[in-house]
């Protein structure tokens, strides 16, 4: 009995510890308005449709449809599902540093080829570099499930259960907002739902 109570107490402490370690900062299922106050439709024409947030690339903007999260990408886990309504699209995740408008962390994803990569943008005397690459074996997935984690110098990206990790000291600095960018050609449509941001602090 004593052993059972000790095990139960330990399990409770672990659950409490995890609850303190991971705090949900934002959740948007994408099914209907209102848009969460910490999210902004930044580029493209957006609406709530098909049970998700649907963005279409606008020709005059010359930019992919973008959702901006008004949360510093600093020791965070970001999870979401996304779908590309037309083929030949690309996806780009961007995190900005706190002190400038340059890119601090990127990851790219080509859903048609199943290829994705973590990229270090140009930083001080360092050139832009691909730090880790992955490839999906299953290419006919309709809704891709993604997780991106920033933890100091380490970034991990998981797409449909396939993970890659990169470590670089340029990632270990105060971060600004992050962006989900989808498109690549005029009229391209990009859908996002079940967007959850969790703090690792």
N, C-alpha and C. Protein backbone atom coordinates (compact mmCIF):
# COMPACT_ATOMS: atom_id res chain seq x y z
N UNK A 1 0.83 -1.20 0.00
CA UNK A 1 0.00 0.00 0.00
C UNK A 1 0.87 1.25 0.00
N UNK A 2 1.92 1.22 0.83
CA UNK A 2 2.83 2.36 0.91
C UNK A 2 3.51 2.61 -0.43
N UNK A 3 3.89 1.53 -1.09
CA UNK A 3 4.53 1.65 -2.40
C UNK A 3 3.57 2.25 -3.43
N UNK A 4 2.31 1.83 -3.37
CA UNK A 4 1.30 2.35 -4.28
C UNK A 4 1.08 3.85 -4.08
N UNK A 5 1.01 4.28 -2.81
CA UNK A 5 0.81 5.70 -2.50
C UNK A 5 1.99 6.53 -2.96
N UNK A 6 3.19 5.98 -2.80
CA UNK A 6 4.40 6.69 -3.24
C UNK A 6 4.39 6.87 -4.75
N UNK A 7 3.98 5.80 -5.46
CA UNK A 7 3.90 5.88 -6.92
C UNK A 7 2.86 6.90 -7.36
N UNK A 8 1.72 6.91 -6.68
CA UNK A 8 0.65 7.86 -7.00
C UNK A 8 1.09 9.29 -6.75
N UNK A 9 1.82 9.50 -5.64
CA UNK A 9 2.32 10.84 -5.32
C UNK A 9 3.33 11.31 -6.37
N UNK A 10 4.22 10.41 -6.78
CA UNK A 10 5.22 10.75 -7.79
C UNK A 10 4.56 11.11 -9.11
N UNK A 11 3.55 10.34 -9.52
CA UNK A 11 2.83 10.62 -10.76
C UNK A 11 2.14 11.98 -10.69
N UNK A 12 1.57 12.30 -9.54
CA UNK A 12 0.89 13.60 -9.37
C UNK A 12 1.88 14.74 -9.47
N UNK A 13 3.06 14.57 -8.85
CA UNK A 13 4.08 15.60 -8.89
C UNK A 13 4.59 15.82 -10.31
N UNK A 14 4.73 14.74 -11.08
CA UNK A 14 5.18 14.85 -12.47
C UNK A 14 4.16 15.61 -13.31
N UNK A 15 2.86 15.33 -13.08
CA UNK A 15 1.81 16.03 -13.81
C UNK A 15 1.80 17.51 -13.48
N UNK A 16 1.98 17.83 -12.19
CA UNK A 16 2.02 19.23 -11.75
C UNK A 16 3.22 19.93 -12.36
N UNK A 17 4.37 19.24 -12.35
CA UNK A 17 5.59 19.80 -12.90
C UNK A 17 5.43 20.10 -14.38
N UNK A 18 4.80 19.18 -15.12
CA UNK A 18 4.59 19.37 -16.56
C UNK A 18 3.64 20.53 -16.81
N UNK A 19 2.61 20.66 -15.98
CA UNK A 19 1.65 21.75 -16.13
C UNK A 19 2.33 23.09 -15.96
N UNK A 20 3.28 23.16 -15.00
CA UNK A 20 4.00 24.41 -14.78
C UNK A 20 5.00 24.66 -15.91
N UNK A 21 5.58 23.59 -16.45
CA UNK A 21 6.62 23.74 -17.46
C UNK A 21 6.04 24.14 -18.81
N UNK A 22 4.82 23.69 -19.12
CA UNK A 22 4.21 23.97 -20.41
C UNK A 22 2.89 24.72 -20.21
N UNK A 23 2.88 25.97 -20.62
CA UNK A 23 1.70 26.82 -20.50
C UNK A 23 1.18 27.15 -21.89
N UNK A 24 -0.10 26.87 -22.13
CA UNK A 24 -0.70 27.18 -23.43
C UNK A 24 -0.92 28.69 -23.52
N UNK A 25 -0.27 29.32 -24.49
CA UNK A 25 -0.36 30.76 -24.66
C UNK A 25 -1.41 31.16 -25.69
N UNK A 26 -1.71 30.24 -26.60
CA UNK A 26 -2.62 30.57 -27.70
C UNK A 26 -3.20 29.28 -28.26
N UNK A 27 -4.49 29.31 -28.56
CA UNK A 27 -5.10 28.22 -29.32
C UNK A 27 -6.16 28.80 -30.25
N UNK A 28 -6.09 28.43 -31.52
CA UNK A 28 -7.07 28.86 -32.52
C UNK A 28 -7.43 27.65 -33.36
N UNK A 29 -8.67 27.15 -33.20
CA UNK A 29 -9.03 25.97 -33.99
C UNK A 29 -9.27 26.31 -35.46
N UNK A 30 -9.56 27.59 -35.76
CA UNK A 30 -9.71 28.01 -37.14
C UNK A 30 -11.09 27.84 -37.71
N UNK A 31 -12.04 27.32 -36.92
CA UNK A 31 -13.37 27.03 -37.45
C UNK A 31 -14.22 28.27 -37.68
N UNK A 32 -14.03 29.28 -36.83
CA UNK A 32 -14.88 30.47 -36.94
C UNK A 32 -14.23 31.65 -36.23
N UNK A 33 -14.71 32.83 -36.55
CA UNK A 33 -14.26 34.03 -35.84
C UNK A 33 -14.68 33.93 -34.37
N UNK A 34 -14.03 34.73 -33.50
CA UNK A 34 -13.03 35.76 -33.80
C UNK A 34 -11.62 35.18 -33.91
N UNK A 35 -10.74 35.92 -34.56
CA UNK A 35 -9.34 35.56 -34.61
C UNK A 35 -8.72 35.89 -33.26
N UNK A 36 -7.89 35.00 -32.75
CA UNK A 36 -7.23 35.22 -31.46
C UNK A 36 -6.48 36.56 -31.47
N UNK A 37 -6.52 37.26 -30.33
CA UNK A 37 -5.90 38.60 -30.25
C UNK A 37 -4.40 38.59 -30.48
N UNK A 38 -3.76 37.42 -30.33
CA UNK A 38 -2.32 37.32 -30.56
C UNK A 38 -1.97 36.82 -31.95
N UNK A 39 -2.99 36.75 -32.83
CA UNK A 39 -2.76 36.38 -34.22
C UNK A 39 -3.19 37.52 -35.13
N UNK A 40 -2.56 37.59 -36.30
CA UNK A 40 -2.89 38.61 -37.28
C UNK A 40 -2.75 38.04 -38.68
N UNK A 41 -3.76 38.27 -39.53
CA UNK A 41 -3.63 37.92 -40.94
C UNK A 41 -2.76 38.99 -41.57
N UNK A 42 -1.54 38.61 -41.94
CA UNK A 42 -0.50 39.59 -42.26
C UNK A 42 -0.37 39.87 -43.75
N UNK A 43 -0.47 38.83 -44.57
CA UNK A 43 -0.46 38.98 -46.03
C UNK A 43 -1.52 38.05 -46.59
N UNK A 44 -2.05 38.42 -47.75
CA UNK A 44 -3.04 37.58 -48.40
C UNK A 44 -4.46 37.97 -48.02
N UNK A 45 -5.40 37.31 -48.67
CA UNK A 45 -6.82 37.51 -48.38
C UNK A 45 -7.30 36.31 -47.57
N UNK A 46 -7.75 36.54 -46.33
CA UNK A 46 -8.08 35.46 -45.40
C UNK A 46 -9.57 35.44 -45.05
N UNK A 47 -10.06 34.23 -44.80
CA UNK A 47 -11.42 34.05 -44.30
C UNK A 47 -11.48 32.73 -43.55
N UNK A 48 -12.55 32.55 -42.78
CA UNK A 48 -12.78 31.27 -42.12
C UNK A 48 -13.66 30.43 -43.03
N UNK A 49 -13.12 29.30 -43.51
CA UNK A 49 -13.85 28.45 -44.45
C UNK A 49 -13.30 27.03 -44.37
N UNK A 50 -14.14 26.06 -44.66
CA UNK A 50 -13.73 24.64 -44.67
C UNK A 50 -13.20 24.21 -43.31
N UNK A 51 -13.71 24.82 -42.25
CA UNK A 51 -13.29 24.46 -40.90
C UNK A 51 -11.89 24.90 -40.55
N UNK A 52 -11.39 25.92 -41.25
CA UNK A 52 -10.01 26.37 -41.06
C UNK A 52 -9.89 27.85 -41.43
N UNK A 53 -8.70 28.39 -41.21
CA UNK A 53 -8.38 29.73 -41.70
C UNK A 53 -7.79 29.56 -43.09
N UNK A 54 -8.45 30.15 -44.08
CA UNK A 54 -8.05 29.96 -45.47
C UNK A 54 -7.48 31.27 -46.01
N UNK A 55 -6.23 31.22 -46.44
CA UNK A 55 -5.58 32.39 -47.01
C UNK A 55 -5.28 32.19 -48.48
N UNK A 56 -5.47 33.25 -49.25
CA UNK A 56 -5.18 33.20 -50.68
C UNK A 56 -4.16 34.26 -51.03
N UNK A 57 -3.15 33.86 -51.79
CA UNK A 57 -2.10 34.80 -52.18
C UNK A 57 -2.65 35.86 -53.12
N UNK A 58 -2.39 37.13 -52.78
CA UNK A 58 -2.91 38.27 -53.55
C UNK A 58 -1.83 38.77 -54.50
N UNK A 59 -2.11 38.84 -55.80
CA UNK A 59 -1.09 39.22 -56.79
C UNK A 59 -0.40 40.55 -56.50
N UNK A 60 -1.16 41.55 -56.04
CA UNK A 60 -0.56 42.88 -55.84
C UNK A 60 0.43 42.92 -54.67
N UNK A 61 0.33 41.96 -53.76
CA UNK A 61 1.23 41.95 -52.61
C UNK A 61 2.58 41.33 -52.92
N UNK A 62 2.61 40.43 -53.91
CA UNK A 62 3.84 39.71 -54.24
C UNK A 62 4.44 39.03 -53.01
N UNK A 63 3.56 38.40 -52.23
CA UNK A 63 3.97 37.72 -51.00
C UNK A 63 3.01 36.57 -50.74
N UNK A 64 3.52 35.49 -50.17
CA UNK A 64 2.66 34.36 -49.81
C UNK A 64 1.67 34.76 -48.72
N UNK A 65 0.54 34.06 -48.65
CA UNK A 65 -0.44 34.29 -47.59
C UNK A 65 0.20 33.98 -46.24
N UNK A 66 0.03 34.87 -45.28
CA UNK A 66 0.80 34.78 -44.04
C UNK A 66 -0.06 35.02 -42.80
N UNK A 67 0.17 34.20 -41.79
CA UNK A 67 -0.37 34.43 -40.45
C UNK A 67 0.79 34.84 -39.55
N UNK A 68 0.62 35.94 -38.85
CA UNK A 68 1.64 36.42 -37.92
C UNK A 68 1.18 36.15 -36.49
N UNK A 69 2.06 35.57 -35.68
CA UNK A 69 1.78 35.35 -34.26
C UNK A 69 2.52 36.40 -33.45
N UNK A 70 1.78 37.14 -32.64
CA UNK A 70 2.36 38.24 -31.87
C UNK A 70 2.89 37.73 -30.54
N UNK A 71 3.71 36.71 -30.62
CA UNK A 71 4.33 36.08 -29.45
C UNK A 71 5.79 35.84 -29.78
N UNK A 72 6.71 36.20 -28.91
CA UNK A 72 8.13 35.92 -29.17
C UNK A 72 8.38 34.41 -29.28
N UNK A 73 9.02 34.00 -30.36
CA UNK A 73 9.31 32.58 -30.56
C UNK A 73 10.55 32.20 -29.74
N UNK A 74 10.36 32.16 -28.43
CA UNK A 74 11.46 31.95 -27.50
C UNK A 74 11.08 30.86 -26.51
N UNK A 75 11.70 29.68 -26.64
CA UNK A 75 11.37 28.51 -25.82
C UNK A 75 9.88 28.18 -25.93
N UNK A 76 9.47 27.96 -27.16
CA UNK A 76 8.07 27.67 -27.46
C UNK A 76 7.93 26.36 -28.22
N UNK A 77 6.75 25.77 -28.09
CA UNK A 77 6.33 24.69 -28.98
C UNK A 77 5.11 25.18 -29.75
N UNK A 78 5.20 25.16 -31.07
CA UNK A 78 4.10 25.59 -31.94
C UNK A 78 3.60 24.37 -32.71
N UNK A 79 2.31 24.10 -32.61
CA UNK A 79 1.71 22.95 -33.29
C UNK A 79 0.56 23.44 -34.16
N UNK A 80 0.40 22.87 -35.35
CA UNK A 80 -0.73 23.23 -36.19
C UNK A 80 -0.91 22.18 -37.28
N UNK A 81 -2.04 22.28 -37.95
CA UNK A 81 -2.32 21.45 -39.12
C UNK A 81 -2.49 22.39 -40.30
N UNK A 82 -2.00 21.96 -41.48
CA UNK A 82 -2.15 22.82 -42.65
C UNK A 82 -2.36 21.99 -43.91
N UNK A 83 -3.00 22.64 -44.85
CA UNK A 83 -3.39 21.99 -46.10
C UNK A 83 -3.15 22.96 -47.24
N UNK A 84 -2.72 22.43 -48.37
CA UNK A 84 -2.51 23.24 -49.57
C UNK A 84 -3.60 22.87 -50.57
N UNK A 85 -4.41 23.87 -50.93
CA UNK A 85 -5.59 23.60 -51.76
C UNK A 85 -5.22 23.33 -53.22
N UNK A 86 -4.05 23.78 -53.64
CA UNK A 86 -3.60 23.54 -55.00
C UNK A 86 -2.16 23.02 -54.96
N UNK A 87 -1.71 22.30 -55.97
CA UNK A 87 -0.34 21.76 -55.96
C UNK A 87 0.71 22.83 -56.23
N UNK A 88 1.96 22.43 -56.17
CA UNK A 88 3.11 23.29 -56.48
C UNK A 88 3.22 24.48 -55.53
N UNK A 89 2.84 24.29 -54.28
CA UNK A 89 2.99 25.34 -53.28
C UNK A 89 4.16 25.04 -52.37
N UNK A 90 4.58 26.05 -51.64
CA UNK A 90 5.65 25.87 -50.65
C UNK A 90 5.21 26.49 -49.34
N UNK A 91 5.93 26.13 -48.29
CA UNK A 91 5.67 26.70 -46.97
C UNK A 91 6.97 27.20 -46.38
N UNK A 92 6.89 28.34 -45.68
CA UNK A 92 8.07 28.91 -45.02
C UNK A 92 7.68 29.39 -43.63
N UNK A 93 8.34 28.83 -42.62
CA UNK A 93 8.19 29.31 -41.24
C UNK A 93 9.34 30.28 -40.98
N UNK A 94 9.01 31.45 -40.44
CA UNK A 94 10.02 32.46 -40.15
C UNK A 94 9.85 32.96 -38.72
N UNK A 95 10.95 33.03 -37.99
CA UNK A 95 10.96 33.72 -36.70
C UNK A 95 11.90 34.91 -36.82
N UNK A 96 11.46 36.06 -36.33
CA UNK A 96 12.30 37.25 -36.34
C UNK A 96 13.04 37.38 -35.01
N UNK A 97 14.22 37.97 -35.02
CA UNK A 97 14.88 38.29 -33.75
C UNK A 97 14.18 39.46 -33.08
N UNK A 98 14.42 39.63 -31.80
CA UNK A 98 13.76 40.71 -31.05
C UNK A 98 14.28 42.09 -31.46
N UNK A 99 15.50 42.15 -31.98
CA UNK A 99 16.13 43.45 -32.19
C UNK A 99 16.22 43.89 -33.65
N UNK A 100 15.59 43.17 -34.59
CA UNK A 100 15.64 43.60 -35.99
C UNK A 100 14.53 42.94 -36.79
N UNK A 101 14.42 43.35 -38.07
CA UNK A 101 13.43 42.78 -38.96
C UNK A 101 13.98 41.70 -39.87
N UNK A 102 15.18 41.26 -39.62
CA UNK A 102 15.77 40.17 -40.40
C UNK A 102 15.22 38.82 -39.93
N UNK A 103 15.45 37.78 -40.71
CA UNK A 103 15.06 36.45 -40.28
C UNK A 103 16.06 35.93 -39.26
N UNK A 104 15.55 35.23 -38.24
CA UNK A 104 16.42 34.62 -37.24
C UNK A 104 16.43 33.09 -37.36
N UNK A 105 15.26 32.52 -37.63
CA UNK A 105 15.11 31.06 -37.78
C UNK A 105 14.13 30.82 -38.93
N UNK A 106 14.47 29.93 -39.84
CA UNK A 106 13.57 29.55 -40.93
C UNK A 106 13.44 28.03 -40.96
N UNK A 107 12.25 27.56 -41.40
CA UNK A 107 12.23 26.20 -41.93
C UNK A 107 11.32 26.17 -43.15
N UNK A 108 11.71 25.39 -44.12
CA UNK A 108 10.99 25.31 -45.39
C UNK A 108 10.36 23.93 -45.54
N UNK A 109 9.29 23.87 -46.33
CA UNK A 109 8.61 22.60 -46.58
C UNK A 109 8.02 22.63 -47.98
N UNK A 110 8.37 21.61 -48.77
CA UNK A 110 7.79 21.42 -50.10
C UNK A 110 6.89 20.20 -50.04
N UNK A 111 5.57 20.39 -49.93
CA UNK A 111 4.67 19.24 -49.73
C UNK A 111 4.62 18.28 -50.91
N UNK A 112 4.82 18.78 -52.13
CA UNK A 112 4.80 17.89 -53.29
C UNK A 112 5.95 16.89 -53.26
N UNK A 113 7.11 17.35 -52.82
CA UNK A 113 8.30 16.49 -52.77
C UNK A 113 8.47 15.83 -51.40
N UNK A 114 7.77 16.37 -50.38
CA UNK A 114 7.92 15.84 -49.02
C UNK A 114 9.20 16.26 -48.35
N UNK A 115 9.89 17.23 -48.90
CA UNK A 115 11.18 17.65 -48.36
C UNK A 115 11.02 18.86 -47.43
N UNK A 116 11.77 18.87 -46.33
CA UNK A 116 11.76 20.02 -45.44
C UNK A 116 13.15 20.21 -44.83
N UNK A 117 13.40 21.43 -44.35
CA UNK A 117 14.75 21.74 -43.87
C UNK A 117 14.69 22.87 -42.85
N UNK A 118 15.64 22.83 -41.91
CA UNK A 118 15.85 23.94 -40.98
C UNK A 118 17.01 24.76 -41.52
N UNK A 119 16.78 26.06 -41.61
CA UNK A 119 17.75 26.96 -42.23
C UNK A 119 18.21 28.03 -41.24
N UNK A 120 19.51 28.23 -41.18
CA UNK A 120 20.03 29.38 -40.44
C UNK A 120 20.17 30.54 -41.43
N UNK A 121 19.39 31.60 -41.27
CA UNK A 121 19.57 32.77 -42.14
C UNK A 121 20.95 33.41 -41.90
N UNK A 122 21.34 34.27 -42.79
CA UNK A 122 22.60 34.98 -42.63
C UNK A 122 22.61 35.71 -41.28
N UNK A 123 23.71 35.56 -40.55
CA UNK A 123 23.80 36.16 -39.22
C UNK A 123 25.23 36.63 -38.96
N UNK A 124 25.38 37.95 -38.79
CA UNK A 124 26.70 38.55 -38.56
C UNK A 124 27.66 38.09 -39.66
N UNK A 125 28.73 37.36 -39.28
CA UNK A 125 29.70 36.92 -40.29
C UNK A 125 29.40 35.51 -40.82
N UNK A 126 28.23 34.96 -40.46
CA UNK A 126 27.87 33.61 -40.89
C UNK A 126 26.97 33.67 -42.12
N UNK A 127 27.23 32.81 -43.08
CA UNK A 127 26.39 32.73 -44.26
C UNK A 127 25.13 31.93 -43.96
N UNK A 128 24.12 32.13 -44.80
CA UNK A 128 22.93 31.30 -44.70
C UNK A 128 23.32 29.84 -44.93
N UNK A 129 22.72 28.94 -44.15
CA UNK A 129 23.09 27.52 -44.28
C UNK A 129 21.90 26.63 -43.94
N UNK A 130 21.78 25.52 -44.67
CA UNK A 130 20.82 24.47 -44.32
C UNK A 130 21.47 23.60 -43.26
N UNK A 131 20.84 23.53 -42.08
CA UNK A 131 21.45 22.82 -40.95
C UNK A 131 20.92 21.39 -40.78
N UNK A 132 19.71 21.14 -41.24
CA UNK A 132 19.14 19.79 -41.13
C UNK A 132 18.08 19.62 -42.21
N UNK A 133 17.97 18.40 -42.74
CA UNK A 133 17.00 18.13 -43.80
C UNK A 133 16.24 16.84 -43.49
N UNK A 134 14.98 16.81 -43.93
CA UNK A 134 14.16 15.62 -43.76
C UNK A 134 13.31 15.39 -44.98
N UNK A 135 12.73 14.19 -45.08
CA UNK A 135 11.88 13.85 -46.22
C UNK A 135 10.77 12.92 -45.77
N UNK A 136 9.55 13.22 -46.19
CA UNK A 136 8.41 12.38 -45.87
C UNK A 136 8.31 11.23 -46.87
N UNK A 137 7.99 10.06 -46.36
CA UNK A 137 7.80 8.91 -47.24
C UNK A 137 6.40 8.90 -47.84
N UNK A 138 5.43 9.43 -47.09
CA UNK A 138 4.04 9.45 -47.52
C UNK A 138 3.71 10.83 -48.06
N UNK A 139 3.39 10.93 -49.34
CA UNK A 139 3.21 12.23 -49.98
C UNK A 139 1.75 12.60 -50.25
N UNK A 140 0.82 11.70 -49.98
CA UNK A 140 -0.58 11.97 -50.30
C UNK A 140 -1.39 12.41 -49.08
N UNK A 141 -0.72 12.92 -48.04
CA UNK A 141 -1.41 13.40 -46.85
C UNK A 141 -2.17 14.68 -47.17
N UNK A 142 -3.43 14.75 -46.78
CA UNK A 142 -4.23 15.94 -47.06
C UNK A 142 -3.90 17.06 -46.06
N UNK A 143 -4.02 16.76 -44.77
CA UNK A 143 -3.70 17.74 -43.72
C UNK A 143 -2.39 17.33 -43.08
N UNK A 144 -1.37 18.14 -43.24
CA UNK A 144 -0.08 17.89 -42.61
C UNK A 144 -0.11 18.36 -41.16
N UNK A 145 0.48 17.55 -40.28
CA UNK A 145 0.56 17.89 -38.85
C UNK A 145 1.99 18.30 -38.53
N UNK A 146 2.14 19.50 -37.97
CA UNK A 146 3.48 20.06 -37.73
C UNK A 146 3.68 20.45 -36.28
N UNK A 147 4.92 20.29 -35.85
CA UNK A 147 5.36 20.76 -34.53
C UNK A 147 6.73 21.40 -34.72
N UNK A 148 6.88 22.62 -34.21
CA UNK A 148 8.16 23.31 -34.26
C UNK A 148 8.51 23.77 -32.84
N UNK A 149 9.68 23.37 -32.36
CA UNK A 149 10.10 23.68 -31.00
C UNK A 149 11.39 24.48 -31.02
N UNK A 150 11.38 25.60 -30.31
CA UNK A 150 12.60 26.39 -30.11
C UNK A 150 13.00 26.27 -28.65
N UNK A 151 14.21 25.82 -28.39
CA UNK A 151 14.70 25.65 -27.03
C UNK A 151 16.16 26.08 -26.98
N UNK A 152 16.39 27.38 -26.81
CA UNK A 152 17.75 27.91 -26.80
C UNK A 152 18.39 27.80 -28.16
N UNK A 153 19.50 27.09 -28.23
CA UNK A 153 20.21 26.93 -29.50
C UNK A 153 19.63 25.81 -30.37
N UNK A 154 18.66 25.09 -29.85
CA UNK A 154 18.13 23.91 -30.55
C UNK A 154 16.74 24.19 -31.13
N UNK A 155 16.56 23.77 -32.37
CA UNK A 155 15.25 23.84 -33.04
C UNK A 155 14.93 22.45 -33.58
N UNK A 156 13.71 21.99 -33.29
CA UNK A 156 13.25 20.69 -33.79
C UNK A 156 11.97 20.90 -34.58
N UNK A 157 11.90 20.31 -35.76
CA UNK A 157 10.72 20.38 -36.61
C UNK A 157 10.24 18.96 -36.87
N UNK A 158 8.95 18.73 -36.65
CA UNK A 158 8.34 17.42 -36.92
C UNK A 158 7.17 17.62 -37.87
N UNK A 159 7.18 16.91 -38.99
CA UNK A 159 6.09 16.96 -39.96
C UNK A 159 5.58 15.54 -40.17
N UNK A 160 4.31 15.34 -39.85
CA UNK A 160 3.67 14.02 -40.02
C UNK A 160 4.50 12.92 -39.36
N UNK A 161 5.05 13.22 -38.19
CA UNK A 161 5.78 12.23 -37.40
C UNK A 161 7.25 12.09 -37.73
N UNK A 162 7.74 12.79 -38.75
CA UNK A 162 9.16 12.74 -39.13
C UNK A 162 9.85 13.98 -38.56
N UNK A 163 10.93 13.78 -37.78
CA UNK A 163 11.58 14.89 -37.07
C UNK A 163 13.00 15.14 -37.55
N UNK A 164 13.38 16.42 -37.53
CA UNK A 164 14.78 16.83 -37.73
C UNK A 164 15.11 17.85 -36.65
N UNK A 165 16.39 17.93 -36.28
CA UNK A 165 16.83 18.85 -35.24
C UNK A 165 18.12 19.53 -35.69
N UNK A 166 18.24 20.80 -35.35
CA UNK A 166 19.46 21.55 -35.64
C UNK A 166 19.83 22.38 -34.42
N UNK A 167 21.13 22.53 -34.18
CA UNK A 167 21.62 23.38 -33.10
C UNK A 167 22.55 24.43 -33.68
N UNK A 168 22.34 25.68 -33.28
CA UNK A 168 23.19 26.76 -33.75
C UNK A 168 23.10 27.89 -32.74
N UNK A 169 24.23 28.47 -32.39
CA UNK A 169 24.24 29.53 -31.38
C UNK A 169 23.49 30.77 -31.83
N UNK A 170 23.32 30.96 -33.14
CA UNK A 170 22.55 32.11 -33.61
C UNK A 170 21.08 32.01 -33.20
N UNK A 171 20.61 30.78 -32.92
CA UNK A 171 19.22 30.59 -32.47
C UNK A 171 19.06 30.96 -30.99
N UNK A 172 20.17 31.01 -30.28
CA UNK A 172 20.13 31.20 -28.83
C UNK A 172 20.20 32.70 -28.48
N UNK A 173 19.16 33.41 -28.84
CA UNK A 173 19.09 34.85 -28.58
C UNK A 173 17.62 35.25 -28.46
N UNK A 174 17.32 36.42 -27.92
CA UNK A 174 15.92 36.84 -27.78
C UNK A 174 15.21 36.90 -29.13
N UNK A 175 14.05 36.31 -29.19
CA UNK A 175 13.29 36.23 -30.43
C UNK A 175 12.09 37.16 -30.42
N UNK A 176 11.66 37.51 -31.64
CA UNK A 176 10.45 38.29 -31.83
C UNK A 176 9.32 37.40 -32.32
N UNK A 177 8.38 37.95 -33.10
CA UNK A 177 7.23 37.18 -33.58
C UNK A 177 7.62 36.13 -34.61
N UNK A 178 6.67 35.22 -34.90
CA UNK A 178 6.90 34.23 -35.94
C UNK A 178 5.75 34.24 -36.94
N UNK A 179 6.02 33.65 -38.12
CA UNK A 179 5.09 33.75 -39.25
C UNK A 179 4.93 32.39 -39.92
N UNK A 180 3.70 32.07 -40.32
CA UNK A 180 3.41 30.90 -41.14
C UNK A 180 3.07 31.41 -42.54
N UNK A 181 3.89 31.06 -43.53
CA UNK A 181 3.74 31.56 -44.89
C UNK A 181 3.46 30.42 -45.86
N UNK A 182 2.37 30.50 -46.61
CA UNK A 182 2.07 29.45 -47.57
C UNK A 182 1.65 30.02 -48.91
N UNK A 183 2.13 29.44 -49.99
CA UNK A 183 1.73 29.89 -51.32
C UNK A 183 2.82 29.64 -52.33
N UNK A 184 3.15 30.68 -53.09
CA UNK A 184 4.19 30.53 -54.09
C UNK A 184 3.77 31.01 -55.46
N UNK A 185 2.45 31.20 -55.66
CA UNK A 185 1.99 31.74 -56.94
C UNK A 185 0.66 32.46 -56.69
N UNK A 186 0.31 33.38 -57.58
CA UNK A 186 -0.91 34.17 -57.40
C UNK A 186 -2.14 33.29 -57.34
N UNK A 187 -2.96 33.51 -56.31
CA UNK A 187 -4.18 32.72 -56.14
C UNK A 187 -3.99 31.43 -55.37
N UNK A 188 -2.77 31.10 -54.98
CA UNK A 188 -2.52 29.88 -54.20
C UNK A 188 -3.24 29.96 -52.86
N UNK A 189 -3.82 28.85 -52.43
CA UNK A 189 -4.57 28.81 -51.18
C UNK A 189 -3.88 27.94 -50.15
N UNK A 190 -3.93 28.40 -48.90
CA UNK A 190 -3.20 27.81 -47.79
C UNK A 190 -4.14 27.80 -46.59
N UNK A 191 -4.38 26.63 -46.01
CA UNK A 191 -5.32 26.51 -44.89
C UNK A 191 -4.59 26.09 -43.62
N UNK A 192 -5.00 26.68 -42.50
CA UNK A 192 -4.39 26.39 -41.21
C UNK A 192 -5.49 26.19 -40.18
N UNK A 193 -5.32 25.18 -39.32
CA UNK A 193 -6.27 24.97 -38.22
C UNK A 193 -5.54 24.38 -37.02
N UNK A 194 -6.22 24.37 -35.88
CA UNK A 194 -5.70 23.78 -34.64
C UNK A 194 -4.30 24.30 -34.32
N UNK A 195 -4.14 25.62 -34.37
CA UNK A 195 -2.87 26.26 -34.06
C UNK A 195 -2.75 26.45 -32.55
N UNK A 196 -1.73 25.83 -31.97
CA UNK A 196 -1.51 25.88 -30.53
C UNK A 196 -0.08 26.31 -30.24
N UNK A 197 0.08 27.26 -29.35
CA UNK A 197 1.40 27.72 -28.94
C UNK A 197 1.55 27.47 -27.45
N UNK A 198 2.61 26.75 -27.09
CA UNK A 198 2.85 26.36 -25.72
C UNK A 198 4.21 26.85 -25.25
N UNK A 199 4.27 27.43 -24.07
CA UNK A 199 5.54 27.87 -23.51
C UNK A 199 6.27 26.71 -22.87
N UNK A 200 7.59 26.65 -23.05
CA UNK A 200 8.41 25.64 -22.39
C UNK A 200 9.03 26.17 -21.10
N UNK A 201 8.74 27.42 -20.76
CA UNK A 201 9.35 28.03 -19.56
C UNK A 201 8.92 27.29 -18.31
